[in-house]
N, C-alpha and C. Protein backbone atom coordinates (compact mmCIF):
# COMPACT_ATOMS: atom_id res chain seq x y z
N MET A 1 0.82 -1.18 0.00
CA MET A 1 0.00 0.00 0.00
C MET A 1 0.87 1.26 0.00
N LYS A 2 1.95 1.24 0.79
CA LYS A 2 2.83 2.40 0.84
C LYS A 2 3.49 2.63 -0.51
N LEU A 3 3.84 1.55 -1.19
CA LEU A 3 4.45 1.67 -2.51
C LEU A 3 3.47 2.33 -3.48
N PHE A 4 2.21 1.90 -3.44
CA PHE A 4 1.20 2.47 -4.33
C PHE A 4 1.03 3.97 -4.07
N VAL A 5 0.94 4.36 -2.81
CA VAL A 5 0.79 5.78 -2.46
C VAL A 5 2.01 6.57 -2.93
N GLY A 6 3.21 6.00 -2.75
CA GLY A 6 4.44 6.66 -3.21
C GLY A 6 4.45 6.87 -4.70
N ILE A 7 4.07 5.83 -5.45
CA ILE A 7 4.02 5.94 -6.91
C ILE A 7 2.98 6.98 -7.33
N LEU A 8 1.82 6.96 -6.67
CA LEU A 8 0.77 7.91 -6.99
C LEU A 8 1.24 9.34 -6.75
N LEU A 9 1.88 9.59 -5.63
CA LEU A 9 2.36 10.95 -5.33
C LEU A 9 3.46 11.38 -6.30
N CYS A 10 4.37 10.49 -6.64
CA CYS A 10 5.42 10.83 -7.61
C CYS A 10 4.81 11.17 -8.96
N SER A 11 3.82 10.38 -9.38
CA SER A 11 3.16 10.65 -10.65
C SER A 11 2.47 12.00 -10.62
N LEU A 12 1.84 12.30 -9.51
CA LEU A 12 1.16 13.58 -9.37
C LEU A 12 2.15 14.73 -9.45
N VAL A 13 3.26 14.63 -8.75
CA VAL A 13 4.26 15.69 -8.78
C VAL A 13 4.82 15.88 -10.18
N LEU A 14 5.11 14.79 -10.87
CA LEU A 14 5.63 14.90 -12.23
C LEU A 14 4.60 15.50 -13.18
N GLY A 15 3.33 15.17 -12.98
CA GLY A 15 2.28 15.69 -13.85
C GLY A 15 1.93 17.13 -13.56
N VAL A 16 2.32 17.64 -12.43
CA VAL A 16 1.93 18.97 -12.00
C VAL A 16 3.04 19.99 -12.15
N SER A 17 4.17 19.61 -12.67
CA SER A 17 5.33 20.48 -12.67
C SER A 17 5.04 21.90 -13.16
N SER A 18 4.19 22.06 -14.14
CA SER A 18 3.93 23.40 -14.66
C SER A 18 2.51 23.89 -14.37
N GLN A 19 1.80 23.16 -13.56
CA GLN A 19 0.41 23.53 -13.23
C GLN A 19 0.33 23.95 -11.77
N ARG A 20 -0.65 24.73 -11.49
CA ARG A 20 -0.94 25.00 -10.09
C ARG A 20 -1.64 23.79 -9.51
N TRP A 21 -1.32 23.48 -8.27
CA TRP A 21 -1.85 22.28 -7.62
C TRP A 21 -3.38 22.24 -7.61
N LEU A 22 -4.00 23.29 -7.21
CA LEU A 22 -5.46 23.26 -7.07
C LEU A 22 -6.16 23.07 -8.41
N THR A 23 -5.65 23.72 -9.44
CA THR A 23 -6.23 23.56 -10.76
C THR A 23 -6.09 22.13 -11.24
N PHE A 24 -4.91 21.59 -11.07
CA PHE A 24 -4.64 20.21 -11.49
C PHE A 24 -5.55 19.24 -10.74
N LEU A 25 -5.65 19.41 -9.42
CA LEU A 25 -6.48 18.51 -8.62
C LEU A 25 -7.96 18.63 -8.99
N LYS A 26 -8.41 19.84 -9.28
CA LYS A 26 -9.80 20.04 -9.70
C LYS A 26 -10.05 19.31 -11.03
N GLU A 27 -9.15 19.47 -11.97
CA GLU A 27 -9.28 18.79 -13.27
C GLU A 27 -9.26 17.28 -13.08
N ALA A 28 -8.38 16.79 -12.21
CA ALA A 28 -8.31 15.35 -11.96
C ALA A 28 -9.60 14.84 -11.37
N GLY A 29 -10.19 15.58 -10.44
CA GLY A 29 -11.47 15.19 -9.85
C GLY A 29 -12.58 15.17 -10.88
N GLN A 30 -12.62 16.19 -11.72
CA GLN A 30 -13.64 16.24 -12.78
C GLN A 30 -13.43 15.12 -13.79
N GLY A 31 -12.18 14.84 -14.11
CA GLY A 31 -11.88 13.75 -15.04
C GLY A 31 -12.28 12.40 -14.47
N THR A 32 -12.09 12.23 -13.16
CA THR A 32 -12.51 11.00 -12.51
C THR A 32 -14.02 10.84 -12.61
N LYS A 33 -14.76 11.92 -12.42
CA LYS A 33 -16.22 11.87 -12.57
C LYS A 33 -16.61 11.53 -14.00
N ASP A 34 -15.90 12.07 -14.97
CA ASP A 34 -16.18 11.75 -16.38
C ASP A 34 -15.97 10.26 -16.64
N MET A 35 -14.89 9.72 -16.10
CA MET A 35 -14.61 8.29 -16.28
C MET A 35 -15.70 7.45 -15.62
N TRP A 36 -16.13 7.84 -14.43
CA TRP A 36 -17.18 7.11 -13.72
C TRP A 36 -18.49 7.17 -14.49
N ARG A 37 -18.80 8.35 -15.06
CA ARG A 37 -20.04 8.49 -15.83
C ARG A 37 -20.02 7.58 -17.05
N ALA A 38 -18.90 7.51 -17.74
CA ALA A 38 -18.80 6.63 -18.90
C ALA A 38 -18.95 5.17 -18.49
N TYR A 39 -18.34 4.80 -17.37
CA TYR A 39 -18.46 3.42 -16.87
C TYR A 39 -19.91 3.11 -16.51
N SER A 40 -20.56 4.04 -15.81
CA SER A 40 -21.96 3.85 -15.41
C SER A 40 -22.86 3.74 -16.64
N ASP A 41 -22.62 4.58 -17.62
CA ASP A 41 -23.40 4.53 -18.86
C ASP A 41 -23.19 3.20 -19.58
N MET A 42 -21.95 2.71 -19.58
CA MET A 42 -21.67 1.42 -20.23
C MET A 42 -22.44 0.30 -19.55
N ARG A 43 -22.45 0.32 -18.21
CA ARG A 43 -23.17 -0.71 -17.47
C ARG A 43 -24.68 -0.59 -17.71
N GLU A 44 -25.18 0.63 -17.73
CA GLU A 44 -26.60 0.86 -17.95
C GLU A 44 -27.02 0.44 -19.36
N ALA A 45 -26.23 0.82 -20.34
CA ALA A 45 -26.57 0.50 -21.74
C ALA A 45 -26.52 -1.00 -21.97
N ASN A 46 -25.53 -1.67 -21.39
CA ASN A 46 -25.38 -3.12 -21.54
C ASN A 46 -25.55 -3.52 -23.01
N TYR A 47 -24.83 -2.81 -23.87
CA TYR A 47 -24.98 -2.96 -25.32
C TYR A 47 -23.77 -3.68 -25.88
N LYS A 48 -24.01 -4.78 -26.53
CA LYS A 48 -22.92 -5.59 -27.07
C LYS A 48 -22.13 -4.79 -28.11
N GLY A 49 -20.80 -4.80 -27.95
CA GLY A 49 -19.92 -4.12 -28.90
C GLY A 49 -19.67 -2.66 -28.59
N ALA A 50 -20.20 -2.15 -27.47
CA ALA A 50 -20.06 -0.72 -27.15
C ALA A 50 -18.90 -0.43 -26.20
N ASP A 51 -18.21 -1.45 -25.74
CA ASP A 51 -17.14 -1.29 -24.75
C ASP A 51 -16.09 -0.26 -25.18
N LYS A 52 -15.60 -0.39 -26.38
CA LYS A 52 -14.53 0.51 -26.86
C LYS A 52 -15.02 1.95 -26.96
N TYR A 53 -16.29 2.12 -27.35
CA TYR A 53 -16.86 3.46 -27.43
C TYR A 53 -16.84 4.13 -26.06
N PHE A 54 -17.27 3.41 -25.03
CA PHE A 54 -17.30 4.00 -23.70
C PHE A 54 -15.90 4.25 -23.14
N HIS A 55 -14.94 3.39 -23.50
CA HIS A 55 -13.55 3.64 -23.13
C HIS A 55 -13.08 4.96 -23.75
N ALA A 56 -13.30 5.10 -25.04
CA ALA A 56 -12.86 6.31 -25.74
C ALA A 56 -13.59 7.54 -25.23
N ARG A 57 -14.89 7.43 -24.99
CA ARG A 57 -15.68 8.57 -24.53
C ARG A 57 -15.24 9.04 -23.15
N GLY A 58 -15.04 8.11 -22.22
CA GLY A 58 -14.61 8.50 -20.88
C GLY A 58 -13.27 9.20 -20.90
N ASN A 59 -12.33 8.66 -21.65
CA ASN A 59 -11.00 9.27 -21.75
C ASN A 59 -11.06 10.62 -22.45
N TYR A 60 -11.88 10.72 -23.49
CA TYR A 60 -12.03 11.98 -24.22
C TYR A 60 -12.59 13.07 -23.29
N ASP A 61 -13.69 12.75 -22.60
CA ASP A 61 -14.32 13.73 -21.72
C ASP A 61 -13.36 14.17 -20.62
N ALA A 62 -12.65 13.22 -20.02
CA ALA A 62 -11.72 13.55 -18.95
C ALA A 62 -10.57 14.41 -19.46
N ALA A 63 -10.01 14.06 -20.60
CA ALA A 63 -8.87 14.80 -21.15
C ALA A 63 -9.25 16.23 -21.54
N GLN A 64 -10.52 16.45 -21.87
CA GLN A 64 -10.97 17.79 -22.23
C GLN A 64 -10.93 18.74 -21.03
N ARG A 65 -10.83 18.18 -19.83
CA ARG A 65 -10.76 19.00 -18.62
C ARG A 65 -9.41 19.68 -18.48
N GLY A 66 -8.38 19.11 -19.10
CA GLY A 66 -7.04 19.67 -18.99
C GLY A 66 -6.06 18.59 -18.56
N PRO A 67 -4.83 18.98 -18.23
CA PRO A 67 -3.80 18.00 -17.87
C PRO A 67 -4.19 17.12 -16.68
N GLY A 68 -4.88 17.67 -15.71
CA GLY A 68 -5.31 16.87 -14.56
C GLY A 68 -6.31 15.80 -14.97
N GLY A 69 -7.23 16.14 -15.85
CA GLY A 69 -8.22 15.17 -16.33
C GLY A 69 -7.57 14.09 -17.17
N ALA A 70 -6.63 14.48 -18.03
CA ALA A 70 -5.92 13.50 -18.85
C ALA A 70 -5.11 12.55 -17.96
N TRP A 71 -4.47 13.11 -16.93
CA TRP A 71 -3.71 12.28 -16.00
C TRP A 71 -4.62 11.28 -15.30
N ALA A 72 -5.77 11.75 -14.80
CA ALA A 72 -6.72 10.86 -14.11
C ALA A 72 -7.20 9.77 -15.06
N ALA A 73 -7.50 10.13 -16.30
CA ALA A 73 -7.98 9.14 -17.28
C ALA A 73 -6.93 8.07 -17.52
N LYS A 74 -5.68 8.47 -17.65
CA LYS A 74 -4.61 7.50 -17.88
C LYS A 74 -4.44 6.57 -16.69
N VAL A 75 -4.40 7.14 -15.49
CA VAL A 75 -4.22 6.34 -14.28
C VAL A 75 -5.38 5.35 -14.12
N ILE A 76 -6.61 5.82 -14.30
CA ILE A 76 -7.77 4.95 -14.14
C ILE A 76 -7.80 3.87 -15.22
N SER A 77 -7.53 4.26 -16.46
CA SER A 77 -7.53 3.29 -17.56
C SER A 77 -6.47 2.21 -17.35
N ASP A 78 -5.27 2.63 -16.99
CA ASP A 78 -4.19 1.66 -16.77
C ASP A 78 -4.51 0.75 -15.60
N ALA A 79 -5.06 1.32 -14.52
CA ALA A 79 -5.40 0.50 -13.35
C ALA A 79 -6.47 -0.52 -13.70
N ARG A 80 -7.45 -0.11 -14.49
CA ARG A 80 -8.53 -1.03 -14.86
C ARG A 80 -8.00 -2.19 -15.70
N GLU A 81 -7.19 -1.87 -16.68
CA GLU A 81 -6.65 -2.93 -17.54
C GLU A 81 -5.71 -3.85 -16.76
N ASN A 82 -4.88 -3.27 -15.89
CA ASN A 82 -3.97 -4.10 -15.10
C ASN A 82 -4.72 -4.98 -14.11
N SER A 83 -5.79 -4.47 -13.52
CA SER A 83 -6.57 -5.28 -12.58
C SER A 83 -7.26 -6.42 -13.31
N GLN A 84 -7.69 -6.20 -14.54
CA GLN A 84 -8.31 -7.28 -15.31
C GLN A 84 -7.30 -8.37 -15.62
N ARG A 85 -6.07 -7.99 -15.89
CA ARG A 85 -5.04 -9.00 -16.15
C ARG A 85 -4.80 -9.87 -14.93
N VAL A 86 -4.81 -9.24 -13.76
CA VAL A 86 -4.60 -10.00 -12.52
C VAL A 86 -5.77 -10.94 -12.27
N THR A 87 -7.00 -10.45 -12.41
CA THR A 87 -8.16 -11.32 -12.16
C THR A 87 -8.26 -12.42 -13.21
N ASP A 88 -7.87 -12.14 -14.44
CA ASP A 88 -7.90 -13.17 -15.49
C ASP A 88 -6.93 -14.30 -15.17
N PHE A 89 -5.85 -13.98 -14.49
CA PHE A 89 -4.86 -14.99 -14.14
C PHE A 89 -5.49 -16.07 -13.25
N PHE A 90 -6.44 -15.67 -12.41
CA PHE A 90 -7.07 -16.60 -11.47
C PHE A 90 -8.34 -17.25 -12.02
N ARG A 91 -8.81 -16.80 -13.16
CA ARG A 91 -10.01 -17.38 -13.76
C ARG A 91 -9.63 -18.51 -14.69
N HIS A 92 -10.55 -19.42 -14.84
CA HIS A 92 -10.35 -20.52 -15.78
C HIS A 92 -11.27 -20.31 -16.97
N GLY A 93 -10.80 -20.62 -18.14
CA GLY A 93 -11.60 -20.45 -19.35
C GLY A 93 -11.43 -19.07 -19.93
N ASN A 94 -12.29 -18.74 -20.88
CA ASN A 94 -12.21 -17.47 -21.58
C ASN A 94 -13.11 -16.44 -20.90
N SER A 95 -12.52 -15.45 -20.26
CA SER A 95 -13.29 -14.42 -19.56
C SER A 95 -13.64 -13.25 -20.48
N GLY A 96 -13.07 -13.22 -21.69
CA GLY A 96 -13.33 -12.11 -22.59
C GLY A 96 -12.44 -10.92 -22.35
N HIS A 97 -11.50 -11.03 -21.43
CA HIS A 97 -10.60 -9.92 -21.11
C HIS A 97 -9.15 -10.32 -21.34
N GLY A 98 -8.90 -10.98 -22.41
CA GLY A 98 -7.55 -11.43 -22.71
C GLY A 98 -6.64 -10.29 -23.14
N ALA A 99 -5.43 -10.65 -23.50
CA ALA A 99 -4.43 -9.66 -23.89
C ALA A 99 -4.87 -8.85 -25.11
N GLU A 100 -5.52 -9.50 -26.07
CA GLU A 100 -5.97 -8.79 -27.27
C GLU A 100 -7.04 -7.76 -26.92
N ASP A 101 -7.98 -8.15 -26.06
CA ASP A 101 -9.04 -7.23 -25.66
C ASP A 101 -8.46 -6.06 -24.87
N SER A 102 -7.52 -6.36 -24.00
CA SER A 102 -6.88 -5.31 -23.21
C SER A 102 -6.13 -4.33 -24.11
N LYS A 103 -5.45 -4.85 -25.12
CA LYS A 103 -4.71 -4.00 -26.06
C LYS A 103 -5.69 -3.10 -26.85
N ALA A 104 -6.82 -3.67 -27.25
CA ALA A 104 -7.83 -2.89 -27.98
C ALA A 104 -8.46 -1.83 -27.07
N ASP A 105 -8.70 -2.18 -25.81
CA ASP A 105 -9.23 -1.20 -24.85
C ASP A 105 -8.25 -0.05 -24.68
N GLN A 106 -6.97 -0.36 -24.54
CA GLN A 106 -5.97 0.68 -24.35
C GLN A 106 -5.85 1.57 -25.60
N ALA A 107 -6.02 0.99 -26.77
CA ALA A 107 -6.01 1.80 -28.00
C ALA A 107 -7.19 2.76 -28.00
N ALA A 108 -8.36 2.30 -27.58
CA ALA A 108 -9.54 3.17 -27.50
C ALA A 108 -9.33 4.25 -26.44
N ASN A 109 -8.70 3.88 -25.32
CA ASN A 109 -8.40 4.86 -24.27
C ASN A 109 -7.51 5.97 -24.81
N GLU A 110 -6.45 5.58 -25.50
CA GLU A 110 -5.50 6.56 -26.04
C GLU A 110 -6.16 7.42 -27.12
N TRP A 111 -7.01 6.80 -27.93
CA TRP A 111 -7.74 7.52 -28.96
C TRP A 111 -8.52 8.67 -28.33
N GLY A 112 -9.27 8.36 -27.28
CA GLY A 112 -10.06 9.39 -26.60
C GLY A 112 -9.20 10.45 -25.94
N ARG A 113 -8.16 10.02 -25.23
CA ARG A 113 -7.29 10.99 -24.54
C ARG A 113 -6.59 11.92 -25.51
N SER A 114 -6.34 11.46 -26.73
CA SER A 114 -5.63 12.30 -27.71
C SER A 114 -6.56 13.34 -28.36
N GLY A 115 -7.84 13.31 -27.99
CA GLY A 115 -8.78 14.31 -28.51
C GLY A 115 -9.52 13.89 -29.76
N LYS A 116 -9.32 12.65 -30.19
CA LYS A 116 -10.04 12.16 -31.37
C LYS A 116 -11.47 11.79 -30.99
N ASP A 117 -12.36 11.85 -31.97
CA ASP A 117 -13.79 11.64 -31.76
C ASP A 117 -14.09 10.21 -31.29
N PRO A 118 -14.68 10.06 -30.09
CA PRO A 118 -15.00 8.73 -29.59
C PRO A 118 -16.07 8.02 -30.43
N ASN A 119 -16.82 8.77 -31.22
CA ASN A 119 -17.86 8.15 -32.05
C ASN A 119 -17.28 7.21 -33.11
N HIS A 120 -15.98 7.27 -33.30
CA HIS A 120 -15.30 6.33 -34.20
C HIS A 120 -15.58 4.89 -33.76
N PHE A 121 -15.75 4.68 -32.45
CA PHE A 121 -15.99 3.35 -31.89
C PHE A 121 -17.46 3.07 -31.61
N ARG A 122 -18.33 4.03 -31.91
CA ARG A 122 -19.76 3.89 -31.58
C ARG A 122 -20.39 2.80 -32.44
N PRO A 123 -20.99 1.79 -31.80
CA PRO A 123 -21.63 0.73 -32.58
C PRO A 123 -22.99 1.20 -33.13
N ALA A 124 -23.36 0.65 -34.26
CA ALA A 124 -24.66 0.97 -34.85
C ALA A 124 -25.76 0.50 -33.90
N GLY A 125 -26.75 1.36 -33.72
CA GLY A 125 -27.89 0.99 -32.89
C GLY A 125 -27.78 1.38 -31.43
N LEU A 126 -26.64 1.89 -31.00
CA LEU A 126 -26.52 2.33 -29.60
C LEU A 126 -27.44 3.53 -29.42
N PRO A 127 -28.30 3.50 -28.41
CA PRO A 127 -29.25 4.61 -28.20
C PRO A 127 -28.56 5.98 -28.14
N SER A 128 -29.21 6.98 -28.69
CA SER A 128 -28.62 8.32 -28.78
C SER A 128 -28.40 8.94 -27.40
N LYS A 129 -29.02 8.38 -26.37
CA LYS A 129 -28.83 8.86 -24.99
C LYS A 129 -27.35 8.82 -24.61
N TYR A 130 -26.60 7.90 -25.23
CA TYR A 130 -25.19 7.73 -24.90
C TYR A 130 -24.33 8.37 -25.97
């Protein structure tokens, strides 16, 4: 736990070098909310093939907040993919979260964080609410 906190603080300091702390932290908080909203929408929609769209949309929305939002999106995205790799290690059979899926998720994450349109991943028929 101490190692995780140390890594988190070092990442924060490196990401904040040219930003004011409060602005960065506000953006990070807003970006975290954007990521949570995309995750909640994905769960609510429960639409087959929409996973990459919600990955890209959450990262896009968070990154639009500024450097703090982009940082939060990267940290959350990386943590999610890494945690899936750990849980997949203990599962038997095909969980649908293999290395290929993780790589595709990370590509969608980066797509959104770079400011590209998340609708590139939008599946046909996904309700316009999302």
